[in-house]
Amino acid sequence: MAKKKGSSTFFKCSSCGYSQPRWMGRCPDCGEWNTLVECIADDSATVPFGTRSAEGVRERARPLPLSAVDPALGTRIITGISELDRVLGGGAVKRSAVLIGGEPGIGKSTLLIQTASAVRSQLAPGQGASGAKARVLYVSGEEAASQIRARADRLELEKDGIEILCSNRLDDIENALNALNPVCVIIDSIQTVSSADAGPVPGTVNQLKYCAAELTAWVKERDAVLFMSAHVTKDGSIAGPKALEHLVDTVISFEQNDDRVRFLRALKNRFGSVDELGIFSMTEKGLVPVEDPSALFIVRRSGAIPAGTAVVPVFEGSRVFMVELQALTVPAKSAITRVYSDKIDNARVSRVAAVLEKRAGLRFSDQDIYINVAGGVRLTESAIDAALAAALYSARTDIAPPEKTAVTGELSLAGEIRPVNRLKQRAKAAHTLGFTRVLGPEKEEDIIAVSDIQSLIKTLFR
């Protein structure tokens, strides 16, 4: 095929973005070797964000063999914040975009400024595209530079190498990105960024999709990481179109159970597991990773255990937490019974209560059910079914469970206690934390086997 009129070939550095008409072994701008890649410029194409050259043309992508792709492009940047690295899957992957959503005042800006400082501290002098000049760009569309500096001083953060840009115009962000070529870009928040090409009003669906797509396209072409904070709706989901979550590589939910504890959970992660849970404590020095998470989810009592409680070993990613479930049943105040549970799905609670009513002869159809999880962590795995059934039975009969006993297992509609994954690790964690008995669906060393709901009740409550 003949070359299209108006097209030309040039060579662009994949590390810093520098372009020139001839190939060279070493980039004259950043000094990296073998990074100049041949590109085709199309004069008739629309110029996208962050790819403008001196001639004002667009770089057209070209296919290359999969075997020729440099595997180092998928390496990670360690942020230095252990719980954030855990949720990201071991660090932030280069050329990826991360979206963090949370309620107002939960600590998103605190986490992002701590991330900016930690990433800059982790970078070796020659790790960035510009060697010792590797920088972190913090873009704020909600706060003034003096407010960000005051927060950094209060948290006693390292500030060298962090550039602050207080603007909500996409063009200003583009100019700063091309001038600094940072290794980490932080946008706080994406809802405040606007472009004249997407309309005059910021925060609209078109603005969010356009600005997020342009920023993500810039970071995909360079050895950098993009963090964006996002507003949430009243039900906790990220505000804006669902396409915003599809554009990025990782979506992280920032949650809290009280004024002190914060939870990070990945809702989407192209480069790691979505099962990991990051736990922070909000202090006067910012967000501090919790070293002993098990202490958050088990109530320390000096007296007897009350009725309506049960302890279950829960897997969150690679860690096991011992979590206490608390149940309360009271006569319904109206003809319609209700389930009040914000950390465990209401449908799961209703299903377990129905199995108890059918298989154990307890009546819940005239009871209002209240369910709480100590520590405020949200539980979704099916391994909590047996412990939830034990807590409901204890609450309904007002019989306290035995001390130092943990329960795990999935409950079927037929009343069977079904196997769960990594049962031995759960039992080991329970015994390590002082639990003498573990009831589960399979007979293993240090595990008491219970096959159905009737045997669970007989074994647990005698």
Protein backbone atom coordinates (compact mmCIF):
# COMPACT_ATOMS: atom_id res chain seq x y z
CA MET A 1 0.00 0.00 0.00
CA ALA A 2 1.35 3.41 -0.91
CA LYS A 3 2.16 5.76 1.90
CA LYS A 4 -0.62 8.23 2.54
CA LYS A 5 0.05 11.74 1.37
CA GLY A 6 0.83 14.04 4.28
CA SER A 7 2.31 11.23 6.41
CA SER A 8 5.88 11.15 7.68
CA THR A 9 8.06 8.92 9.83
CA PHE A 10 9.88 9.98 12.97
CA PHE A 11 11.36 8.36 16.08
CA LYS A 12 10.02 8.93 19.59
CA CYS A 13 11.56 8.03 22.95
CA SER A 14 9.28 5.66 24.83
CA SER A 15 10.78 6.83 28.12
CA CYS A 16 10.54 10.64 27.98
CA GLY A 17 8.51 11.37 24.80
CA TYR A 18 11.31 13.18 22.94
CA SER A 19 11.01 12.90 19.14
CA GLN A 20 13.41 13.48 16.24
CA PRO A 21 13.55 12.55 12.54
CA ARG A 22 16.44 10.01 12.78
CA TRP A 23 17.03 6.93 14.90
CA MET A 24 19.76 7.05 17.53
CA GLY A 25 20.93 4.45 20.01
CA ARG A 26 20.68 6.85 22.94
CA CYS A 27 17.97 9.46 23.57
CA PRO A 28 19.55 12.95 23.58
CA ASP A 29 17.00 14.20 26.14
CA CYS A 30 16.87 11.56 28.92
CA GLY A 31 19.97 9.54 28.09
CA GLU A 32 18.16 6.16 27.96
CA TRP A 33 19.47 3.56 25.50
CA ASN A 34 17.40 1.83 22.78
CA THR A 35 14.19 3.69 23.60
CA LEU A 36 13.62 5.47 20.24
CA VAL A 37 10.69 3.81 18.46
CA GLU A 38 9.64 4.48 14.90
CA CYS A 39 6.26 6.23 14.60
CA ILE A 40 4.11 7.46 11.74
CA ALA A 41 2.66 10.97 11.86
CA ASP A 42 -0.66 11.71 10.18
CA ASP A 43 -1.33 15.38 9.37
CA SER A 44 -5.04 14.78 8.87
CA ALA A 45 -5.62 13.11 12.23
CA THR A 46 -7.06 14.77 15.32
CA VAL A 47 -4.37 15.72 17.81
CA PRO A 48 -4.99 13.92 21.12
CA PHE A 49 -4.04 14.97 24.62
CA GLY A 50 -0.34 14.82 25.45
CA THR A 51 0.88 13.70 21.98
CA ARG A 52 1.45 17.04 20.26
CA SER A 53 4.77 17.37 18.49
CA ALA A 54 6.44 20.47 17.09
CA GLU A 55 4.61 20.00 13.75
CA GLY A 56 1.24 19.56 15.48
CA VAL A 57 0.62 16.07 14.12
CA ARG A 58 -0.65 12.88 15.66
CA GLU A 59 1.42 9.78 16.24
CA ARG A 60 -0.22 6.75 14.70
CA ALA A 61 0.15 3.45 16.58
CA ARG A 62 1.86 0.55 14.83
CA PRO A 63 1.60 -3.17 15.65
CA LEU A 64 4.61 -5.06 16.92
CA PRO A 65 5.27 -8.72 17.75
CA LEU A 66 4.21 -9.76 21.24
CA SER A 67 7.65 -11.32 21.75
CA ALA A 68 9.22 -7.90 21.16
CA VAL A 69 7.30 -6.24 24.00
CA ASP A 70 9.58 -5.25 26.86
CA PRO A 71 8.36 -7.09 30.01
CA ALA A 72 9.88 -4.32 32.14
CA LEU A 73 6.99 -2.09 31.05
CA GLY A 74 4.78 -4.03 33.48
CA THR A 75 7.00 -3.55 36.50
CA ARG A 76 5.62 -1.93 39.63
CA ILE A 77 6.42 1.21 41.56
CA ILE A 78 6.39 0.54 45.30
CA THR A 79 4.50 3.36 46.98
CA GLY A 80 6.03 2.71 50.41
CA ILE A 81 2.59 2.50 52.07
CA SER A 82 2.27 -1.20 52.93
CA GLU A 83 -1.53 -1.45 53.02
CA LEU A 84 -1.95 0.46 49.74
CA ASP A 85 0.67 -1.73 48.05
CA ARG A 86 -1.18 -4.79 49.35
CA VAL A 87 -4.49 -3.68 47.81
CA LEU A 88 -2.78 -2.76 44.52
CA GLY A 89 -1.31 -6.25 44.31
CA GLY A 90 2.28 -5.45 45.34
CA GLY A 91 2.65 -1.86 44.16
CA ALA A 92 1.37 0.41 41.39
CA VAL A 93 2.01 -0.95 37.88
CA LYS A 94 3.70 1.44 35.48
CA ARG A 95 1.48 2.86 32.74
CA SER A 96 -1.66 2.19 34.78
CA ALA A 97 -4.46 4.35 36.15
CA VAL A 98 -5.94 3.97 39.65
CA LEU A 99 -9.31 5.44 40.69
CA ILE A 100 -9.99 5.92 44.43
CA GLY A 101 -13.52 6.71 45.59
CA GLY A 102 -14.78 7.55 49.05
CA GLU A 103 -17.15 9.72 51.07
CA PRO A 104 -16.34 13.38 51.77
CA GLY A 105 -13.92 13.80 54.67
CA ILE A 106 -12.89 10.15 54.79
CA GLY A 107 -9.24 10.99 54.05
CA LYS A 108 -8.76 10.69 50.26
CA SER A 109 -6.63 13.84 50.04
CA THR A 110 -4.62 12.72 53.08
CA LEU A 111 -3.96 9.34 51.47
CA LEU A 112 -2.99 10.92 48.15
CA ILE A 113 -0.52 13.43 49.61
CA GLN A 114 1.01 10.66 51.72
CA THR A 115 1.25 8.54 48.56
CA ALA A 116 2.95 11.39 46.70
CA SER A 117 5.55 11.76 49.42
CA ALA A 118 6.05 8.00 49.84
CA VAL A 119 6.45 7.38 46.09
CA ARG A 120 8.99 10.19 45.78
CA SER A 121 10.94 8.81 48.74
CA GLN A 122 10.99 5.32 47.18
CA LEU A 123 12.39 6.50 43.85
CA ALA A 124 16.08 5.97 43.30
CA PRO A 125 17.95 8.91 41.70
CA GLY A 126 17.89 7.28 38.26
CA GLN A 127 14.51 5.53 38.45
CA GLY A 128 12.46 8.16 36.67
CA ALA A 129 12.46 9.05 33.02
CA SER A 130 14.59 12.12 33.76
CA GLY A 131 17.04 10.48 36.16
CA ALA A 132 17.57 12.56 39.26
CA LYS A 133 14.81 14.93 38.13
CA ALA A 134 12.08 12.32 38.60
CA ARG A 135 9.09 14.15 40.09
CA VAL A 136 5.59 13.60 41.40
CA LEU A 137 2.86 15.94 40.13
CA TYR A 138 -0.03 16.63 42.52
CA VAL A 139 -2.97 18.33 40.78
CA SER A 140 -5.68 19.78 43.01
CA GLY A 141 -8.89 21.28 41.72
CA GLU A 142 -10.44 21.67 45.18
CA GLU A 143 -7.75 23.15 47.45
CA ALA A 144 -5.22 25.96 47.33
CA ALA A 145 -1.49 25.27 47.34
CA SER A 146 -1.18 26.74 50.84
CA GLN A 147 -3.75 24.24 52.16
CA ILE A 148 -1.86 21.32 50.66
CA ARG A 149 1.43 22.63 52.09
CA ALA A 150 -0.16 23.01 55.53
CA ARG A 151 -1.41 19.41 55.41
CA ALA A 152 2.03 18.15 54.35
CA ASP A 153 3.65 20.08 57.21
CA ARG A 154 1.13 18.74 59.72
CA LEU A 155 1.80 15.18 58.57
CA GLU A 156 5.57 15.83 58.58
CA LEU A 157 5.96 14.58 55.00
CA GLU A 158 8.98 14.85 52.73
CA LYS A 159 8.19 17.56 50.18
CA ASP A 160 11.22 17.52 47.85
CA GLY A 161 10.40 16.42 44.31
CA ILE A 162 6.64 17.04 44.62
CA GLU A 163 5.19 19.62 42.22
CA ILE A 164 1.82 21.22 43.04
CA LEU A 165 -0.62 22.43 40.39
CA CYS A 166 -3.87 24.01 41.56
CA SER A 167 -6.01 24.12 38.45
CA ASN A 168 -9.07 22.40 37.04
CA ARG A 169 -8.26 23.08 33.36
CA LEU A 170 -7.13 20.07 31.35
CA ASP A 171 -4.89 22.26 29.19
CA ASP A 172 -2.94 23.42 32.25
CA ILE A 173 -2.51 19.81 33.37
CA GLU A 174 -1.33 18.83 29.88
CA ASN A 175 1.30 21.56 29.82
CA ALA A 176 2.56 20.56 33.27
CA LEU A 177 2.72 16.87 32.34
CA ASN A 178 4.68 17.51 29.15
CA ALA A 179 7.04 19.92 30.92
CA LEU A 180 7.76 17.79 34.01
CA ASN A 181 7.23 14.25 32.66
CA PRO A 182 6.47 13.00 36.22
CA VAL A 183 6.71 9.37 37.33
CA CYS A 184 3.52 9.69 39.39
CA VAL A 185 0.49 11.87 38.65
CA ILE A 186 -2.20 12.52 41.27
CA ILE A 187 -5.52 14.17 40.33
CA ASP A 188 -7.65 15.35 43.27
CA SER A 189 -10.34 15.01 42.08
CA ILE A 190 -11.32 13.95 38.55
CA GLN A 191 -14.78 15.55 38.93
CA THR A 192 -13.18 19.00 39.10
CA VAL A 193 -11.19 18.68 35.85
CA SER A 194 -12.78 20.18 32.75
CA SER A 195 -11.93 20.86 29.13
CA ALA A 196 -13.44 23.31 26.66
CA ASP A 197 -13.56 20.49 24.10
CA ALA A 198 -16.06 18.58 26.28
CA GLY A 199 -18.40 21.46 27.15
CA PRO A 200 -18.49 24.48 29.45
CA VAL A 201 -19.76 22.76 32.62
CA PRO A 202 -17.35 20.66 34.75
CA GLY A 203 -18.50 17.40 36.33
CA THR A 204 -20.81 16.35 33.52
CA VAL A 205 -20.78 12.86 32.02
CA ASN A 206 -18.96 14.06 28.90
CA GLN A 207 -16.38 15.96 30.94
CA LEU A 208 -15.61 12.95 33.16
CA LYS A 209 -15.28 10.54 30.26
CA TYR A 210 -13.22 12.93 28.12
CA CYS A 211 -10.82 14.13 30.82
CA ALA A 212 -10.29 10.68 32.32
CA ALA A 213 -9.66 9.19 28.88
CA GLU A 214 -7.11 11.88 27.99
CA LEU A 215 -5.22 11.55 31.27
CA THR A 216 -5.21 7.76 31.03
CA ALA A 217 -3.97 7.93 27.42
CA TRP A 218 -1.04 10.12 28.52
CA VAL A 219 0.08 7.78 31.30
CA LYS A 220 -0.25 4.71 29.05
CA GLU A 221 2.55 6.03 26.82
CA ARG A 222 5.02 6.69 29.62
CA ASP A 223 6.60 4.93 32.61
CA ALA A 224 4.28 6.69 35.04
CA VAL A 225 1.35 5.92 37.33
CA LEU A 226 -1.89 7.91 37.53
CA PHE A 227 -3.93 8.19 40.74
CA MET A 228 -7.34 9.89 40.57
CA SER A 229 -9.72 10.49 43.45
CA ALA A 230 -13.44 10.48 42.75
CA HIS A 231 -16.59 11.67 44.46
CA VAL A 232 -19.25 9.14 45.45
CA THR A 233 -23.03 9.17 45.51
CA LYS A 234 -25.13 8.80 48.65
CA ASP A 235 -25.19 5.01 48.25
CA GLY A 236 -21.38 4.83 48.17
CA SER A 237 -20.82 4.18 44.45
CA ILE A 238 -18.47 6.34 42.39
CA ALA A 239 -20.27 9.33 40.92
CA GLY A 240 -20.44 9.67 37.15
CA PRO A 241 -20.77 7.18 34.30
CA LYS A 242 -19.78 3.54 34.70
CA ALA A 243 -17.45 4.10 31.75
CA LEU A 244 -15.19 5.99 34.15
CA GLU A 245 -14.45 2.73 35.97
CA HIS A 246 -13.91 0.88 32.69
CA LEU A 247 -11.29 3.42 31.56
CA VAL A 248 -8.95 2.79 34.50
CA ASP A 249 -7.03 -0.32 35.51
CA THR A 250 -7.81 -0.35 39.23
CA VAL A 251 -10.82 0.91 41.20
CA ILE A 252 -10.40 1.23 44.97
CA SER A 253 -13.16 1.87 47.49
CA PHE A 254 -12.23 3.88 50.58
CA GLU A 255 -14.54 3.01 53.50
CA GLN A 256 -14.73 3.66 57.24
CA ASN A 257 -16.46 2.11 60.22
CA ASP A 258 -15.96 4.97 62.68
CA ASP A 259 -13.88 8.11 63.12
CA ARG A 260 -10.63 6.15 63.40
CA VAL A 261 -10.47 3.04 61.18
CA ARG A 262 -10.38 3.17 57.38
CA PHE A 263 -10.62 0.29 54.89
CA LEU A 264 -9.20 0.09 51.36
CA ARG A 265 -10.75 -2.53 49.08
CA ALA A 266 -10.15 -3.09 45.36
CA LEU A 267 -13.37 -3.38 43.35
CA LYS A 268 -11.42 -3.91 40.12
CA ASN A 269 -7.75 -4.74 39.59
CA ARG A 270 -6.27 -5.80 36.26
CA PHE A 271 -2.91 -6.54 37.86
CA GLY A 272 -3.79 -8.25 41.12
CA SER A 273 -6.42 -9.75 43.38
CA VAL A 274 -9.58 -7.92 44.44
CA ASP A 275 -9.72 -9.86 47.72
CA GLU A 276 -7.06 -7.92 49.61
CA LEU A 277 -8.14 -5.52 52.36
CA GLY A 278 -6.04 -2.58 53.48
CA ILE A 279 -6.63 -1.28 57.00
CA PHE A 280 -5.57 2.14 58.25
CA SER A 281 -5.97 4.08 61.45
CA MET A 282 -6.57 7.83 61.14
CA THR A 283 -4.25 9.68 63.52
CA GLU A 284 -2.96 13.22 63.87
CA LYS A 285 -0.02 12.13 61.70
CA GLY A 286 -2.31 10.90 58.93
CA LEU A 287 -3.26 7.40 57.88
CA VAL A 288 -1.17 4.74 59.65
CA PRO A 289 -1.26 1.05 58.56
CA VAL A 290 -2.73 -1.20 61.26
CA GLU A 291 -0.12 -3.76 62.33
CA ASP A 292 -2.50 -6.13 64.19
CA PRO A 293 -5.86 -6.12 62.34
CA SER A 294 -7.29 -9.01 64.38
CA ALA A 295 -7.59 -6.75 67.41
CA LEU A 296 -10.10 -4.59 65.53
CA PHE A 297 -12.66 -7.32 64.87
CA ILE A 298 -12.78 -9.20 68.18
CA VAL A 299 -14.35 -7.60 71.22
CA ARG A 300 -12.14 -7.94 74.31
CA ARG A 301 -14.35 -8.85 77.26
CA SER A 302 -13.55 -9.38 80.89
CA GLY A 303 -16.82 -11.16 81.70
CA ALA A 304 -18.93 -13.90 80.14
CA ILE A 305 -19.75 -13.95 76.44
CA PRO A 306 -23.27 -12.60 75.78
CA ALA A 307 -25.87 -14.39 73.71
CA GLY A 308 -26.10 -13.55 70.03
CA THR A 309 -22.39 -13.63 69.17
CA ALA A 310 -20.20 -15.92 67.08
CA VAL A 311 -16.61 -15.69 65.84
CA VAL A 312 -15.60 -16.67 62.31
CA PRO A 313 -12.17 -16.78 60.59
CA VAL A 314 -12.48 -14.67 57.44
CA PHE A 315 -10.06 -14.62 54.53
CA GLU A 316 -9.39 -11.19 53.03
CA GLY A 317 -6.89 -11.78 50.26
CA SER A 318 -3.84 -13.44 51.81
CA ARG A 319 -4.70 -12.70 55.46
CA VAL A 320 -7.05 -14.32 57.96
CA PHE A 321 -9.02 -12.15 60.38
CA MET A 322 -11.02 -13.40 63.33
CA VAL A 323 -14.28 -11.47 63.13
CA GLU A 324 -17.11 -11.39 65.68
CA LEU A 325 -20.67 -11.44 64.35
CA GLN A 326 -23.39 -9.99 66.58
CA ALA A 327 -27.11 -10.74 66.21
CA LEU A 328 -30.23 -9.46 67.96
CA THR A 329 -33.83 -10.55 67.43
CA VAL A 330 -36.84 -8.68 68.82
CA PRO A 331 -40.59 -9.01 68.15
CA ALA A 332 -41.58 -7.13 65.01
CA LYS A 333 -43.05 -3.70 65.61
CA SER A 334 -45.42 -4.07 62.68
CA ALA A 335 -46.91 -6.74 60.46
CA ILE A 336 -43.85 -6.56 58.23
CA THR A 337 -40.56 -7.90 59.65
CA ARG A 338 -37.28 -6.25 58.72
CA VAL A 339 -33.60 -7.08 58.60
CA TYR A 340 -31.17 -4.37 59.66
CA SER A 341 -27.68 -5.22 58.42
CA ASP A 342 -25.30 -2.84 56.68
CA LYS A 343 -22.08 -4.95 56.72
CA ILE A 344 -23.64 -8.26 55.63
CA ASP A 345 -26.11 -8.46 52.75
CA ASN A 346 -29.72 -8.47 53.95
CA ALA A 347 -30.59 -11.29 51.54
CA ARG A 348 -27.92 -13.51 53.09
CA VAL A 349 -29.26 -12.85 56.60
CA SER A 350 -32.83 -13.61 55.50
CA ARG A 351 -31.72 -16.82 53.78
CA VAL A 352 -29.85 -18.10 56.85
CA ALA A 353 -32.82 -17.23 59.08
CA ALA A 354 -35.14 -19.13 56.71
CA VAL A 355 -32.90 -22.23 56.88
CA LEU A 356 -32.93 -22.06 60.70
CA GLU A 357 -36.71 -21.75 60.71
CA LYS A 358 -37.16 -24.71 58.38
CA ARG A 359 -34.39 -27.04 59.63
CA ALA A 360 -34.07 -26.11 63.31
CA GLY A 361 -37.67 -25.23 64.19
CA LEU A 362 -36.96 -21.63 65.27
CA ARG A 363 -39.44 -18.98 64.26
CA PHE A 364 -38.04 -15.79 62.74
CA SER A 365 -41.06 -14.73 60.66
CA ASP A 366 -42.35 -12.52 63.49
CA GLN A 367 -38.95 -11.09 64.47
CA ASP A 368 -36.98 -8.01 63.47
CA ILE A 369 -33.34 -9.03 62.97
CA TYR A 370 -30.37 -6.80 63.68
CA ILE A 371 -26.89 -7.86 62.52
CA ASN A 372 -23.61 -6.14 63.33
CA VAL A 373 -19.96 -6.91 62.55
CA ALA A 374 -17.41 -5.92 65.18
CA GLY A 375 -14.91 -3.50 63.69
CA GLY A 376 -17.26 -2.47 60.89
CA VAL A 377 -15.68 -4.54 58.11
CA ARG A 378 -17.96 -5.57 55.24
CA LEU A 379 -18.22 -9.37 54.80
CA THR A 380 -19.22 -11.05 51.55
CA GLU A 381 -17.75 -14.58 51.51
CA SER A 382 -20.00 -17.60 52.02
CA ALA A 383 -17.80 -19.02 54.81
CA ILE A 384 -19.60 -16.78 57.33
CA ASP A 385 -22.94 -18.61 56.89
CA ALA A 386 -22.45 -21.13 59.72
CA ALA A 387 -21.26 -18.45 62.17
CA LEU A 388 -24.19 -16.23 61.18
CA ALA A 389 -26.58 -19.13 61.84
CA ALA A 390 -24.95 -19.73 65.25
CA ALA A 391 -25.29 -16.04 66.17
CA LEU A 392 -28.96 -15.98 65.11
CA TYR A 393 -29.74 -19.18 67.04
CA SER A 394 -27.98 -17.81 70.12
CA ALA A 395 -29.88 -14.51 69.90
CA ARG A 396 -33.25 -16.18 69.37
CA THR A 397 -32.83 -18.69 72.23
CA ASP A 398 -30.83 -16.34 74.47
CA ILE A 399 -28.20 -19.07 74.97
CA ALA A 400 -24.63 -17.81 75.01
CA PRO A 401 -22.06 -19.68 72.88
CA PRO A 402 -19.04 -21.32 74.54
CA GLU A 403 -15.86 -19.31 74.93
CA LYS A 404 -12.85 -19.55 72.62
CA THR A 405 -14.86 -21.23 69.85
CA ALA A 406 -14.85 -20.28 66.17
CA VAL A 407 -17.27 -21.43 63.48
CA THR A 408 -16.85 -21.54 59.71
CA GLY A 409 -18.70 -23.11 56.80
CA GLU A 410 -21.17 -22.41 54.02
CA LEU A 411 -24.84 -23.15 54.72
CA SER A 412 -26.95 -24.69 51.99
CA LEU A 413 -30.73 -24.38 51.72
CA ALA A 414 -30.97 -28.03 52.77
CA GLY A 415 -29.25 -27.19 56.04
CA GLU A 416 -25.90 -28.75 55.11
CA ILE A 417 -22.60 -27.24 56.24
CA ARG A 418 -20.57 -27.18 53.03
CA PRO A 419 -16.76 -26.98 52.65
CA VAL A 420 -14.92 -23.67 52.35
CA ASN A 421 -11.56 -22.92 50.81
CA ARG A 422 -8.35 -22.89 52.86
CA LEU A 423 -9.95 -24.44 55.92
CA LYS A 424 -6.63 -25.46 57.49
CA GLN A 425 -5.29 -21.90 57.31
CA ARG A 426 -8.44 -20.60 58.97
CA ALA A 427 -8.14 -23.14 61.80
CA LYS A 428 -4.44 -22.38 62.25
CA ALA A 429 -5.12 -18.66 62.53
CA ALA A 430 -7.88 -19.29 65.09
CA HIS A 431 -5.65 -21.46 67.27
CA THR A 432 -2.83 -18.92 67.02
CA LEU A 433 -5.14 -16.25 68.44
CA GLY A 434 -6.17 -18.42 71.40
CA PHE A 435 -9.29 -20.25 70.16
CA THR A 436 -9.35 -23.81 71.45
CA ARG A 437 -12.17 -25.17 69.25
CA VAL A 438 -12.92 -24.65 65.55
CA LEU A 439 -16.15 -26.04 64.08
CA GLY A 440 -16.04 -26.68 60.34
CA PRO A 441 -17.49 -28.82 57.55
CA GLU A 442 -14.53 -31.21 57.33
CA LYS A 443 -12.79 -33.30 59.97
CA GLU A 444 -9.19 -32.20 60.09
CA GLU A 445 -6.58 -31.89 62.77
CA ASP A 446 -7.82 -29.38 65.40
CA ILE A 447 -11.18 -29.07 63.56
CA ILE A 448 -14.48 -30.46 64.87
CA ALA A 449 -16.60 -31.64 61.93
CA VAL A 450 -20.26 -30.59 61.69
CA SER A 451 -22.22 -31.86 58.70
CA ASP A 452 -25.49 -29.92 58.99
CA ILE A 453 -27.24 -27.21 60.96
CA GLN A 454 -28.61 -29.67 63.53
CA SER A 455 -25.16 -31.08 64.37
CA LEU A 456 -23.77 -27.53 64.51
CA ILE A 457 -26.39 -26.52 67.10
CA LYS A 458 -25.92 -29.70 69.17
CA THR A 459 -22.13 -29.40 69.17
CA LEU A 460 -22.07 -25.67 69.87
CA PHE A 461 -24.92 -25.31 72.36
CA ARG A 462 -25.18 -28.90 73.68
